[in-house]
């Protein structure tokens, strides 16, 4: 399960800042270190899932149910197209997999 306290927002202003920050991450738990790029400050901070729901006129309160259905559908079909896949309990891995493949997610 994802917990908001496990995320840390870091403003990176240059390539060198990114490389320095990534290089300082601990190697012991490397499989638990994820970096996501943000949006420029002139955009509202919204996830791709929020943007899709707003564009479709769907209430944001329905986002958790819609995300669960999307995740279930992707997990059911992904093995036909990709190998290896994230482990079954790896929610963050599955959401990253979905986002990488163009599905809307709560990831920034």
PDB file of N, CA and C in Angstrom:
ATOM      1  N   UNK A   1       0.842  -1.177   0.000  1.00  0.00           N
ATOM      2  CA  UNK A   1       0.000   0.000   0.000  1.00  0.00           C
ATOM      3  C   UNK A   1       0.886   1.239   0.000  1.00  0.00           C
ATOM      4  N   UNK A   2       0.468   2.266  -0.696  1.00  0.00           N
ATOM      5  CA  UNK A   2       1.224   3.506  -0.751  1.00  0.00           C
ATOM      6  C   UNK A   2       0.790   4.432   0.369  1.00  0.00           C
ATOM      7  N   UNK A   3       1.744   5.055   1.011  1.00  0.00           N
ATOM      8  CA  UNK A   3       1.460   6.000   2.069  1.00  0.00           C
ATOM      9  C   UNK A   3       2.061   7.342   1.686  1.00  0.00           C
ATOM     10  N   UNK A   4       1.288   8.450   1.803  1.00  0.00           N
ATOM     11  CA  UNK A   4       1.811   9.755   1.398  1.00  0.00           C
ATOM     12  C   UNK A   4       3.097  10.133   2.115  1.00  0.00           C
ATOM     13  N   UNK A   5       3.334   9.614   3.320  1.00  0.00           N
ATOM     14  CA  UNK A   5       4.544   9.975   4.055  1.00  0.00           C
ATOM     15  C   UNK A   5       5.796   9.356   3.451  1.00  0.00           C
ATOM     16  N   UNK A   6       5.639   8.426   2.530  1.00  0.00           N
ATOM     17  CA  UNK A   6       6.807   7.800   1.920  1.00  0.00           C
ATOM     18  C   UNK A   6       7.321   8.583   0.722  1.00  0.00           C
ATOM     19  N   UNK A   7       6.632   9.659   0.350  1.00  0.00           N
ATOM     20  CA  UNK A   7       7.048  10.459  -0.781  1.00  0.00           C
ATOM     21  C   UNK A   7       7.778  11.698  -0.301  1.00  0.00           C
ATOM     22  N   UNK A   8       8.757  12.105  -1.063  1.00  0.00           N
ATOM     23  CA  UNK A   8       9.519  13.304  -0.744  1.00  0.00           C
ATOM     24  C   UNK A   8       9.590  14.145  -2.011  1.00  0.00           C
ATOM     25  N   UNK A   9       9.218  15.398  -1.908  1.00  0.00           N
ATOM     26  CA  UNK A   9       9.275  16.300  -3.057  1.00  0.00           C
ATOM     27  C   UNK A   9      10.597  17.051  -3.020  1.00  0.00           C
ATOM     28  N   UNK A  10      11.332  16.965  -4.107  1.00  0.00           N
ATOM     29  CA  UNK A  10      12.633  17.622  -4.214  1.00  0.00           C
ATOM     30  C   UNK A  10      12.629  18.423  -5.504  1.00  0.00           C
ATOM     31  N   UNK A  11      12.967  19.698  -5.399  1.00  0.00           N
ATOM     32  CA  UNK A  11      13.051  20.527  -6.602  1.00  0.00           C
ATOM     33  C   UNK A  11      14.459  20.395  -7.177  1.00  0.00           C
ATOM     34  N   UNK A  12      14.514  19.973  -8.432  1.00  0.00           N
ATOM     35  CA  UNK A  12      15.779  19.762  -9.128  1.00  0.00           C
ATOM     36  C   UNK A  12      15.830  20.760 -10.276  1.00  0.00           C
ATOM     37  N   UNK A  13      16.846  21.597 -10.259  1.00  0.00           N
ATOM     38  CA  UNK A  13      16.912  22.658 -11.247  1.00  0.00           C
ATOM     39  C   UNK A  13      17.814  22.393 -12.434  1.00  0.00           C
ATOM     40  N   UNK A  14      18.594  21.318 -12.358  1.00  0.00           N
ATOM     41  CA  UNK A  14      19.527  21.061 -13.453  1.00  0.00           C
ATOM     42  C   UNK A  14      19.826  19.572 -13.544  1.00  0.00           C
ATOM     43  N   UNK A  15      20.456  19.198 -14.628  1.00  0.00           N
ATOM     44  CA  UNK A  15      20.868  17.798 -14.819  1.00  0.00           C
ATOM     45  C   UNK A  15      21.842  17.378 -13.720  1.00  0.00           C
ATOM     46  N   UNK A  16      22.743  18.282 -13.383  1.00  0.00           N
ATOM     47  CA  UNK A  16      23.735  17.991 -12.352  1.00  0.00           C
ATOM     48  C   UNK A  16      23.059  17.757 -10.999  1.00  0.00           C
ATOM     49  N   UNK A  17      22.025  18.570 -10.678  1.00  0.00           N
ATOM     50  CA  UNK A  17      21.273  18.379  -9.432  1.00  0.00           C
ATOM     51  C   UNK A  17      20.627  16.998  -9.403  1.00  0.00           C
ATOM     52  N   UNK A  18      20.054  16.588 -10.534  1.00  0.00           N
ATOM     53  CA  UNK A  18      19.400  15.278 -10.614  1.00  0.00           C
ATOM     54  C   UNK A  18      20.408  14.155 -10.393  1.00  0.00           C
ATOM     55  N   UNK A  19      21.533  14.225 -11.084  1.00  0.00           N
ATOM     56  CA  UNK A  19      22.545  13.183 -10.942  1.00  0.00           C
ATOM     57  C   UNK A  19      23.102  13.139  -9.518  1.00  0.00           C
ATOM     58  N   UNK A  20      23.296  14.288  -8.922  1.00  0.00           N
ATOM     59  CA  UNK A  20      23.801  14.344  -7.556  1.00  0.00           C
ATOM     60  C   UNK A  20      22.793  13.742  -6.582  1.00  0.00           C
ATOM     61  N   UNK A  21      21.516  14.087  -6.735  1.00  0.00           N
ATOM     62  CA  UNK A  21      20.481  13.559  -5.840  1.00  0.00           C
ATOM     63  C   UNK A  21      20.331  12.046  -6.016  1.00  0.00           C
ATOM     64  N   UNK A  22      20.260  11.599  -7.249  1.00  0.00           N
ATOM     65  CA  UNK A  22      20.096  10.167  -7.516  1.00  0.00           C
ATOM     66  C   UNK A  22      21.307   9.388  -7.014  1.00  0.00           C
ATOM     67  N   UNK A  23      22.490   9.955  -7.142  1.00  0.00           N
ATOM     68  CA  UNK A  23      23.700   9.281  -6.686  1.00  0.00           C
ATOM     69  C   UNK A  23      23.782   9.159  -5.170  1.00  0.00           C
ATOM     70  N   UNK A  24      23.060  10.016  -4.457  1.00  0.00           N
ATOM     71  CA  UNK A  24      23.087   9.983  -2.990  1.00  0.00           C
ATOM     72  C   UNK A  24      22.038   9.034  -2.406  1.00  0.00           C
ATOM     73  N   UNK A  25      21.185   8.459  -3.241  1.00  0.00           N
ATOM     74  CA  UNK A  25      20.178   7.529  -2.730  1.00  0.00           C
ATOM     75  C   UNK A  25      20.860   6.263  -2.231  1.00  0.00           C
ATOM     76  N   UNK A  26      20.360   5.684  -1.141  1.00  0.00           N
ATOM     77  CA  UNK A  26      21.000   4.471  -0.606  1.00  0.00           C
ATOM     78  C   UNK A  26      20.870   3.303  -1.570  1.00  0.00           C
ATOM     79  N   UNK A  27      21.928   2.513  -1.684  1.00  0.00           N
ATOM     80  CA  UNK A  27      21.929   1.371  -2.598  1.00  0.00           C
ATOM     81  C   UNK A  27      21.255   0.146  -2.000  1.00  0.00           C
ATOM     82  N   UNK A  28      21.164   0.041  -0.678  1.00  0.00           N
ATOM     83  CA  UNK A  28      20.582  -1.134  -0.040  1.00  0.00           C
ATOM     84  C   UNK A  28      19.175  -1.439  -0.533  1.00  0.00           C
ATOM     85  N   UNK A  29      18.354  -0.432  -0.595  1.00  0.00           N
ATOM     86  CA  UNK A  29      16.949  -0.635  -0.970  1.00  0.00           C
ATOM     87  C   UNK A  29      16.670   0.013  -2.316  1.00  0.00           C
ATOM     88  N   UNK A  30      17.553  -0.207  -3.279  1.00  0.00           N
ATOM     89  CA  UNK A  30      17.425   0.463  -4.582  1.00  0.00           C
ATOM     90  C   UNK A  30      16.097   0.167  -5.263  1.00  0.00           C
ATOM     91  N   UNK A  31      15.522  -1.025  -5.022  1.00  0.00           N
ATOM     92  CA  UNK A  31      14.242  -1.345  -5.667  1.00  0.00           C
ATOM     93  C   UNK A  31      13.103  -0.502  -5.116  1.00  0.00           C
ATOM     94  N   UNK A  32      13.341   0.203  -4.006  1.00  0.00           N
ATOM     95  CA  UNK A  32      12.300   1.042  -3.415  1.00  0.00           C
ATOM     96  C   UNK A  32      12.500   2.519  -3.729  1.00  0.00           C
ATOM     97  N   UNK A  33      13.514   2.862  -4.487  1.00  0.00           N
ATOM     98  CA  UNK A  33      13.773   4.250  -4.847  1.00  0.00           C
ATOM     99  C   UNK A  33      13.202   4.532  -6.223  1.00  0.00           C
ATOM    100  N   UNK A  34      12.278   5.463  -6.282  1.00  0.00           N
ATOM    101  CA  UNK A  34      11.658   5.848  -7.544  1.00  0.00           C
ATOM    102  C   UNK A  34      11.787   7.354  -7.690  1.00  0.00           C
ATOM    103  N   UNK A  35      12.059   7.801  -8.908  1.00  0.00           N
ATOM    104  CA  UNK A  35      12.103   9.221  -9.208  1.00  0.00           C
ATOM    105  C   UNK A  35      11.064   9.507 -10.288  1.00  0.00           C
ATOM    106  N   UNK A  36      10.269  10.541 -10.065  1.00  0.00           N
ATOM    107  CA  UNK A  36       9.278  10.959 -11.048  1.00  0.00           C
ATOM    108  C   UNK A  36       9.505  12.418 -11.368  1.00  0.00           C
ATOM    109  N   UNK A  37       9.417  12.737 -12.621  1.00  0.00           N
ATOM    110  CA  UNK A  37       9.563  14.140 -12.989  1.00  0.00           C
ATOM    111  C   UNK A  37       8.235  14.844 -12.741  1.00  0.00           C
ATOM    112  N   UNK A  38       8.312  16.099 -12.412  1.00  0.00           N
ATOM    113  CA  UNK A  38       7.108  16.877 -12.151  1.00  0.00           C
ATOM    114  C   UNK A  38       6.687  17.663 -13.370  1.00  0.00           C
ATOM    115  N   UNK A  39       5.818  18.614 -13.130  1.00  0.00           N
ATOM    116  CA  UNK A  39       5.317  19.479 -14.194  1.00  0.00           C
ATOM    117  C   UNK A  39       5.890  20.878 -13.984  1.00  0.00           C
ATOM    118  N   UNK A  40       6.021  21.649 -15.058  1.00  0.00           N
ATOM    119  CA  UNK A  40       6.437  23.039 -14.888  1.00  0.00           C
ATOM    120  C   UNK A  40       5.451  23.783 -13.983  1.00  0.00           C
ATOM    121  N   UNK A  41       5.913  24.803 -13.307  1.00  0.00           N
ATOM    122  CA  UNK A  41       5.094  25.496 -12.313  1.00  0.00           C
ATOM    123  C   UNK A  41       3.910  26.245 -12.910  1.00  0.00           C
ATOM    124  N   UNK A  42       3.864  26.446 -14.224  1.00  0.00           N
ATOM    125  CA  UNK A  42       2.723  27.150 -14.810  1.00  0.00           C
ATOM    126  C   UNK A  42       1.542  26.215 -15.075  1.00  0.00           C
ATOM    127  N   UNK A  43       1.660  24.927 -14.727  1.00  0.00           N
ATOM    128  CA  UNK A  43       0.570  23.966 -14.845  1.00  0.00           C
ATOM    129  C   UNK A  43      -0.002  23.698 -13.464  1.00  0.00           C
ATOM    130  N   UNK A  44      -1.324  23.414 -13.410  1.00  0.00           N
ATOM    131  CA  UNK A  44      -1.896  22.953 -12.159  1.00  0.00           C
ATOM    132  C   UNK A  44      -1.305  21.587 -11.853  1.00  0.00           C
ATOM    133  N   UNK A  45      -1.032  21.324 -10.578  1.00  0.00           N
ATOM    134  CA  UNK A  45      -0.471  20.044 -10.180  1.00  0.00           C
ATOM    135  C   UNK A  45      -1.601  19.018 -10.132  1.00  0.00           C
ATOM    136  N   UNK A  46      -1.695  18.222 -11.170  1.00  0.00           N
ATOM    137  CA  UNK A  46      -2.722  17.186 -11.276  1.00  0.00           C
ATOM    138  C   UNK A  46      -2.084  15.925 -11.827  1.00  0.00           C
ATOM    139  N   UNK A  47      -2.614  14.795 -11.408  1.00  0.00           N
ATOM    140  CA  UNK A  47      -2.142  13.537 -11.966  1.00  0.00           C
ATOM    141  C   UNK A  47      -2.821  13.311 -13.312  1.00  0.00           C
ATOM    142  N   UNK A  48      -2.299  12.369 -14.080  1.00  0.00           N
ATOM    143  CA  UNK A  48      -2.932  12.060 -15.367  1.00  0.00           C
ATOM    144  C   UNK A  48      -4.328  11.501 -15.157  1.00  0.00           C
ATOM    145  N   UNK A  49      -4.536  10.767 -14.072  1.00  0.00           N
ATOM    146  CA  UNK A  49      -5.872  10.242 -13.768  1.00  0.00           C
ATOM    147  C   UNK A  49      -6.845  11.389 -13.503  1.00  0.00           C
ATOM    148  N   UNK A  50      -6.427  12.370 -12.726  1.00  0.00           N
ATOM    149  CA  UNK A  50      -7.290  13.531 -12.465  1.00  0.00           C
ATOM    150  C   UNK A  50      -7.619  14.273 -13.760  1.00  0.00           C
ATOM    151  N   UNK A  51      -6.614  14.484 -14.609  1.00  0.00           N
ATOM    152  CA  UNK A  51      -6.864  15.204 -15.869  1.00  0.00           C
ATOM    153  C   UNK A  51      -7.859  14.469 -16.751  1.00  0.00           C
ATOM    154  N   UNK A  52      -7.720  13.136 -16.846  1.00  0.00           N
ATOM    155  CA  UNK A  52      -8.639  12.348 -17.680  1.00  0.00           C
ATOM    156  C   UNK A  52     -10.050  12.409 -17.120  1.00  0.00           C
ATOM    157  N   UNK A  53     -10.189  12.276 -15.805  1.00  0.00           N
ATOM    158  CA  UNK A  53     -11.516  12.299 -15.200  1.00  0.00           C
ATOM    159  C   UNK A  53     -12.176  13.661 -15.361  1.00  0.00           C
ATOM    160  N   UNK A  54     -11.419  14.728 -15.159  1.00  0.00           N
ATOM    161  CA  UNK A  54     -11.971  16.079 -15.331  1.00  0.00           C
ATOM    162  C   UNK A  54     -12.408  16.281 -16.778  1.00  0.00           C
ATOM    163  N   UNK A  55     -11.561  15.876 -17.728  1.00  0.00           N
ATOM    164  CA  UNK A  55     -11.915  16.019 -19.154  1.00  0.00           C
ATOM    165  C   UNK A  55     -13.166  15.221 -19.509  1.00  0.00           C
ATOM    166  N   UNK A  56     -13.369  14.075 -18.832  1.00  0.00           N
ATOM    167  CA  UNK A  56     -14.523  13.219 -19.127  1.00  0.00           C
ATOM    168  C   UNK A  56     -15.762  13.629 -18.320  1.00  0.00           C
ATOM    169  N   UNK A  57     -15.608  14.614 -17.430  1.00  0.00           N
ATOM    170  CA  UNK A  57     -16.735  15.049 -16.618  1.00  0.00           C
ATOM    171  C   UNK A  57     -17.081  14.087 -15.488  1.00  0.00           C
ATOM    172  N   UNK A  58     -16.097  13.307 -15.040  1.00  0.00           N
ATOM    173  CA  UNK A  58     -16.301  12.340 -13.964  1.00  0.00           C
ATOM    174  C   UNK A  58     -15.826  12.967 -12.654  1.00  0.00           C
ATOM    175  N   UNK A  59     -16.589  12.768 -11.580  1.00  0.00           N
ATOM    176  CA  UNK A  59     -16.243  13.336 -10.279  1.00  0.00           C
ATOM    177  C   UNK A  59     -14.947  12.722  -9.749  1.00  0.00           C
ATOM    178  N   UNK A  60     -14.085  13.562  -9.186  1.00  0.00           N
ATOM    179  CA  UNK A  60     -12.801  13.078  -8.669  1.00  0.00           C
ATOM    180  C   UNK A  60     -12.984  12.130  -7.486  1.00  0.00           C
ATOM    181  N   UNK A  61     -14.111  12.186  -6.813  1.00  0.00           N
ATOM    182  CA  UNK A  61     -14.355  11.255  -5.705  1.00  0.00           C
ATOM    183  C   UNK A  61     -14.422   9.812  -6.195  1.00  0.00           C
ATOM    184  N   UNK A  62     -14.667   9.628  -7.488  1.00  0.00           N
ATOM    185  CA  UNK A  62     -14.726   8.285  -8.073  1.00  0.00           C
ATOM    186  C   UNK A  62     -13.356   7.764  -8.504  1.00  0.00           C
ATOM    187  N   UNK A  63     -12.309   8.585  -8.368  1.00  0.00           N
ATOM    188  CA  UNK A  63     -10.977   8.210  -8.839  1.00  0.00           C
ATOM    189  C   UNK A  63     -10.445   6.913  -8.224  1.00  0.00           C
ATOM    190  N   UNK A  64     -10.562   6.702  -6.902  1.00  0.00           N
ATOM    191  CA  UNK A  64     -10.026   5.449  -6.344  1.00  0.00           C
ATOM    192  C   UNK A  64     -10.677   4.199  -6.941  1.00  0.00           C
ATOM    193  N   UNK A  65     -11.992   4.225  -7.126  1.00  0.00           N
ATOM    194  CA  UNK A  65     -12.673   3.065  -7.714  1.00  0.00           C
ATOM    195  C   UNK A  65     -12.259   2.854  -9.169  1.00  0.00           C
ATOM    196  N   UNK A  66     -12.145   3.932  -9.909  1.00  0.00           N
ATOM    197  CA  UNK A  66     -11.754   3.828 -11.316  1.00  0.00           C
ATOM    198  C   UNK A  66     -10.319   3.313 -11.416  1.00  0.00           C
ATOM    199  N   UNK A  67      -9.429   3.827 -10.558  1.00  0.00           N
ATOM    200  CA  UNK A  67      -8.043   3.357 -10.584  1.00  0.00           C
ATOM    201  C   UNK A  67      -7.974   1.870 -10.253  1.00  0.00           C
ATOM    202  N   UNK A  68      -8.739   1.415  -9.255  1.00  0.00           N
ATOM    203  CA  UNK A  68      -8.754  -0.012  -8.907  1.00  0.00           C
ATOM    204  C   UNK A  68      -9.200  -0.859 -10.086  1.00  0.00           C
ATOM    205  N   UNK A  69     -10.232  -0.404 -10.806  1.00  0.00           N
ATOM    206  CA  UNK A  69     -10.723  -1.153 -11.968  1.00  0.00           C
ATOM    207  C   UNK A  69      -9.679  -1.172 -13.085  1.00  0.00           C
ATOM    208  N   UNK A  70      -9.030  -0.034 -13.326  1.00  0.00           N
ATOM    209  CA  UNK A  70      -7.972   0.022 -14.342  1.00  0.00           C
ATOM    210  C   UNK A  70      -6.823  -0.916 -13.975  1.00  0.00           C
ATOM    211  N   UNK A  71      -6.409  -0.868 -12.709  1.00  0.00           N
ATOM    212  CA  UNK A  71      -5.312  -1.708 -12.251  1.00  0.00           C
ATOM    213  C   UNK A  71      -5.663  -3.185 -12.394  1.00  0.00           C
ATOM    214  N   UNK A  72      -6.867  -3.541 -12.016  1.00  0.00           N
ATOM    215  CA  UNK A  72      -7.309  -4.939 -12.125  1.00  0.00           C
ATOM    216  C   UNK A  72      -7.294  -5.396 -13.588  1.00  0.00           C
ATOM    217  N   UNK A  73      -7.778  -4.540 -14.479  1.00  0.00           N
ATOM    218  CA  UNK A  73      -7.824  -4.890 -15.900  1.00  0.00           C
ATOM    219  C   UNK A  73      -6.417  -5.028 -16.479  1.00  0.00           C
ATOM    220  N   UNK A  74      -5.526  -4.102 -16.132  1.00  0.00           N
ATOM    221  CA  UNK A  74      -4.150  -4.168 -16.636  1.00  0.00           C
ATOM    222  C   UNK A  74      -3.463  -5.426 -16.120  1.00  0.00           C
ATOM    223  N   UNK A  75      -3.617  -5.716 -14.832  1.00  0.00           N
ATOM    224  CA  UNK A  75      -2.977  -6.904 -14.256  1.00  0.00           C
ATOM    225  C   UNK A  75      -3.498  -8.187 -14.906  1.00  0.00           C
ATOM    226  N   UNK A  76      -4.768  -8.182 -15.282  1.00  0.00           N
ATOM    227  CA  UNK A  76      -5.362  -9.365 -15.900  1.00  0.00           C
ATOM    228  C   UNK A  76      -4.841  -9.603 -17.313  1.00  0.00           C
ATOM    229  N   UNK A  77      -4.495  -8.532 -18.026  1.00  0.00           N
ATOM    230  CA  UNK A  77      -4.130  -8.666 -19.444  1.00  0.00           C
ATOM    231  C   UNK A  77      -2.648  -8.485 -19.757  1.00  0.00           C
ATOM    232  N   UNK A  78      -1.896  -7.865 -18.864  1.00  0.00           N
ATOM    233  CA  UNK A  78      -0.512  -7.474 -19.173  1.00  0.00           C
ATOM    234  C   UNK A  78       0.381  -8.649 -19.520  1.00  0.00           C
ATOM    235  N   UNK A  79       0.142  -9.810 -18.921  1.00  0.00           N
ATOM    236  CA  UNK A  79       1.033 -10.955 -19.168  1.00  0.00           C
ATOM    237  C   UNK A  79       1.004 -11.427 -20.620  1.00  0.00           C
ATOM    238  N   UNK A  80      -0.020 -11.015 -21.365  1.00  0.00           N
ATOM    239  CA  UNK A  80      -0.070 -11.358 -22.793  1.00  0.00           C
ATOM    240  C   UNK A  80       0.957 -10.563 -23.602  1.00  0.00           C
ATOM    241  N   UNK A  81       1.401  -9.431 -23.051  1.00  0.00           N
ATOM    242  CA  UNK A  81       2.218  -8.505 -23.824  1.00  0.00           C
ATOM    243  C   UNK A  81       3.615  -8.240 -23.261  1.00  0.00           C
ATOM    244  N   UNK A  82       3.804  -8.415 -21.965  1.00  0.00           N
ATOM    245  CA  UNK A  82       5.051  -7.996 -21.335  1.00  0.00           C
ATOM    246  C   UNK A  82       5.524  -9.061 -20.351  1.00  0.00           C
ATOM    247  N   UNK A  83       6.848  -9.259 -20.315  1.00  0.00           N
ATOM    248  CA  UNK A  83       7.442 -10.130 -19.336  1.00  0.00           C
ATOM    249  C   UNK A  83       8.853  -9.626 -19.090  1.00  0.00           C
ATOM    250  N   UNK A  84       9.295  -9.430 -17.878  1.00  0.00           N
ATOM    251  CA  UNK A  84       8.635  -9.685 -16.605  1.00  0.00           C
ATOM    252  C   UNK A  84       7.709  -8.542 -16.218  1.00  0.00           C
ATOM    253  N   UNK A  85       6.836  -8.819 -15.287  1.00  0.00           N
ATOM    254  CA  UNK A  85       5.878  -7.847 -14.766  1.00  0.00           C
ATOM    255  C   UNK A  85       6.168  -7.580 -13.295  1.00  0.00           C
ATOM    256  N   UNK A  86       5.641  -6.473 -12.764  1.00  0.00           N
ATOM    257  CA  UNK A  86       5.792  -6.250 -11.320  1.00  0.00           C
ATOM    258  C   UNK A  86       5.143  -7.386 -10.528  1.00  0.00           C
ATOM    259  N   UNK A  87       5.620  -7.582  -9.314  1.00  0.00           N
ATOM    260  CA  UNK A  87       5.013  -8.593  -8.447  1.00  0.00           C
ATOM    261  C   UNK A  87       3.582  -8.203  -8.126  1.00  0.00           C
ATOM    262  N   UNK A  88       2.780  -9.176  -7.755  1.00  0.00           N
ATOM    263  CA  UNK A  88       1.356  -8.929  -7.519  1.00  0.00           C
ATOM    264  C   UNK A  88       1.103  -7.882  -6.444  1.00  0.00           C
ATOM    265  N   UNK A  89       1.841  -7.861  -5.362  1.00  0.00           N
ATOM    266  CA  UNK A  89       1.607  -6.900  -4.289  1.00  0.00           C
ATOM    267  C   UNK A  89       2.309  -5.570  -4.462  1.00  0.00           C
ATOM    268  N   UNK A  90       3.024  -5.383  -5.551  1.00  0.00           N
ATOM    269  CA  UNK A  90       3.811  -4.173  -5.791  1.00  0.00           C
ATOM    270  C   UNK A  90       2.948  -3.108  -6.467  1.00  0.00           C
ATOM    271  N   UNK A  91       2.147  -2.410  -5.670  1.00  0.00           N
ATOM    272  CA  UNK A  91       1.217  -1.417  -6.218  1.00  0.00           C
ATOM    273  C   UNK A  91       1.964  -0.319  -6.957  1.00  0.00           C
ATOM    274  N   UNK A  92       3.027   0.206  -6.356  1.00  0.00           N
ATOM    275  CA  UNK A  92       3.789   1.269  -7.010  1.00  0.00           C
ATOM    276  C   UNK A  92       4.390   0.786  -8.322  1.00  0.00           C
ATOM    277  N   UNK A  93       4.895  -0.443  -8.341  1.00  0.00           N
ATOM    278  CA  UNK A  93       5.444  -0.999  -9.573  1.00  0.00           C
ATOM    279  C   UNK A  93       4.392  -1.104 -10.667  1.00  0.00           C
ATOM    280  N   UNK A  94       3.195  -1.549 -10.293  1.00  0.00           N
ATOM    281  CA  UNK A  94       2.118  -1.656 -11.279  1.00  0.00           C
ATOM    282  C   UNK A  94       1.663  -0.292 -11.774  1.00  0.00           C
ATOM    283  N   UNK A  95       1.568   0.686 -10.862  1.00  0.00           N
ATOM    284  CA  UNK A  95       1.167   2.030 -11.296  1.00  0.00           C
ATOM    285  C   UNK A  95       2.224   2.633 -12.219  1.00  0.00           C
ATOM    286  N   UNK A  96       3.507   2.418 -11.902  1.00  0.00           N
ATOM    287  CA  UNK A  96       4.576   2.907 -12.779  1.00  0.00           C
ATOM    288  C   UNK A  96       4.517   2.218 -14.136  1.00  0.00           C
ATOM    289  N   UNK A  97       4.259   0.919 -14.141  1.00  0.00           N
ATOM    290  CA  UNK A  97       4.108   0.161 -15.387  1.00  0.00           C
ATOM    291  C   UNK A  97       2.955   0.739 -16.213  1.00  0.00           C
ATOM    292  N   UNK A  98       1.824   1.002 -15.554  1.00  0.00           N
ATOM    293  CA  UNK A  98       0.667   1.554 -16.256  1.00  0.00           C
ATOM    294  C   UNK A  98       0.990   2.924 -16.839  1.00  0.00           C
ATOM    295  N   UNK A  99       1.597   3.782 -16.027  1.00  0.00           N
ATOM    296  CA  UNK A  99       1.908   5.136 -16.501  1.00  0.00           C
ATOM    297  C   UNK A  99       2.886   5.076 -17.664  1.00  0.00           C
ATOM    298  N   UNK A 100       3.881   4.225 -17.565  1.00  0.00           N
ATOM    299  CA  UNK A 100       4.862   4.087 -18.641  1.00  0.00           C
ATOM    300  C   UNK A 100       4.191   3.677 -19.947  1.00  0.00           C
ATOM    301  N   UNK A 101       3.129   2.917 -19.847  1.00  0.00           N
ATOM    302  CA  UNK A 101       2.422   2.432 -21.031  1.00  0.00           C
ATOM    303  C   UNK A 101       1.206   3.278 -21.401  1.00  0.00           C
ATOM    304  N   UNK A 102       1.091   4.477 -20.827  1.00  0.00           N
ATOM    305  CA  UNK A 102       0.090   5.434 -21.255  1.00  0.00           C
ATOM    306  C   UNK A 102      -1.227   5.414 -20.507  1.00  0.00           C
ATOM    307  N   UNK A 103      -1.352   4.611 -19.482  1.00  0.00           N
ATOM    308  CA  UNK A 103      -2.596   4.585 -18.714  1.00  0.00           C
ATOM    309  C   UNK A 103      -2.585   5.739 -17.702  1.00  0.00           C
ATOM    310  N   UNK A 104      -3.725   6.355 -17.449  1.00  0.00           N
ATOM    311  CA  UNK A 104      -3.778   7.412 -16.445  1.00  0.00           C
ATOM    312  C   UNK A 104      -3.645   6.811 -15.046  1.00  0.00           C
ATOM    313  N   UNK A 105      -2.830   7.442 -14.201  1.00  0.00           N
ATOM    314  CA  UNK A 105      -2.622   6.966 -12.834  1.00  0.00           C
ATOM    315  C   UNK A 105      -2.578   8.155 -11.883  1.00  0.00           C
ATOM    316  N   UNK A 106      -2.498   7.863 -10.598  1.00  0.00           N
ATOM    317  CA  UNK A 106      -2.356   8.922  -9.598  1.00  0.00           C
ATOM    318  C   UNK A 106      -0.918   9.399  -9.455  1.00  0.00           C
ATOM    319  N   UNK A 107       0.000   8.760 -10.151  1.00  0.00           N
ATOM    320  CA  UNK A 107       1.398   9.178 -10.043  1.00  0.00           C
ATOM    321  C   UNK A 107       1.580  10.521 -10.730  1.00  0.00           C
ATOM    322  N   UNK A 108       2.403  11.393 -10.131  1.00  0.00           N
ATOM    323  CA  UNK A 108       2.599  12.717 -10.748  1.00  0.00           C
ATOM    324  C   UNK A 108       3.413  12.634 -12.025  1.00  0.00           C
TER     325      UNK A 108
END
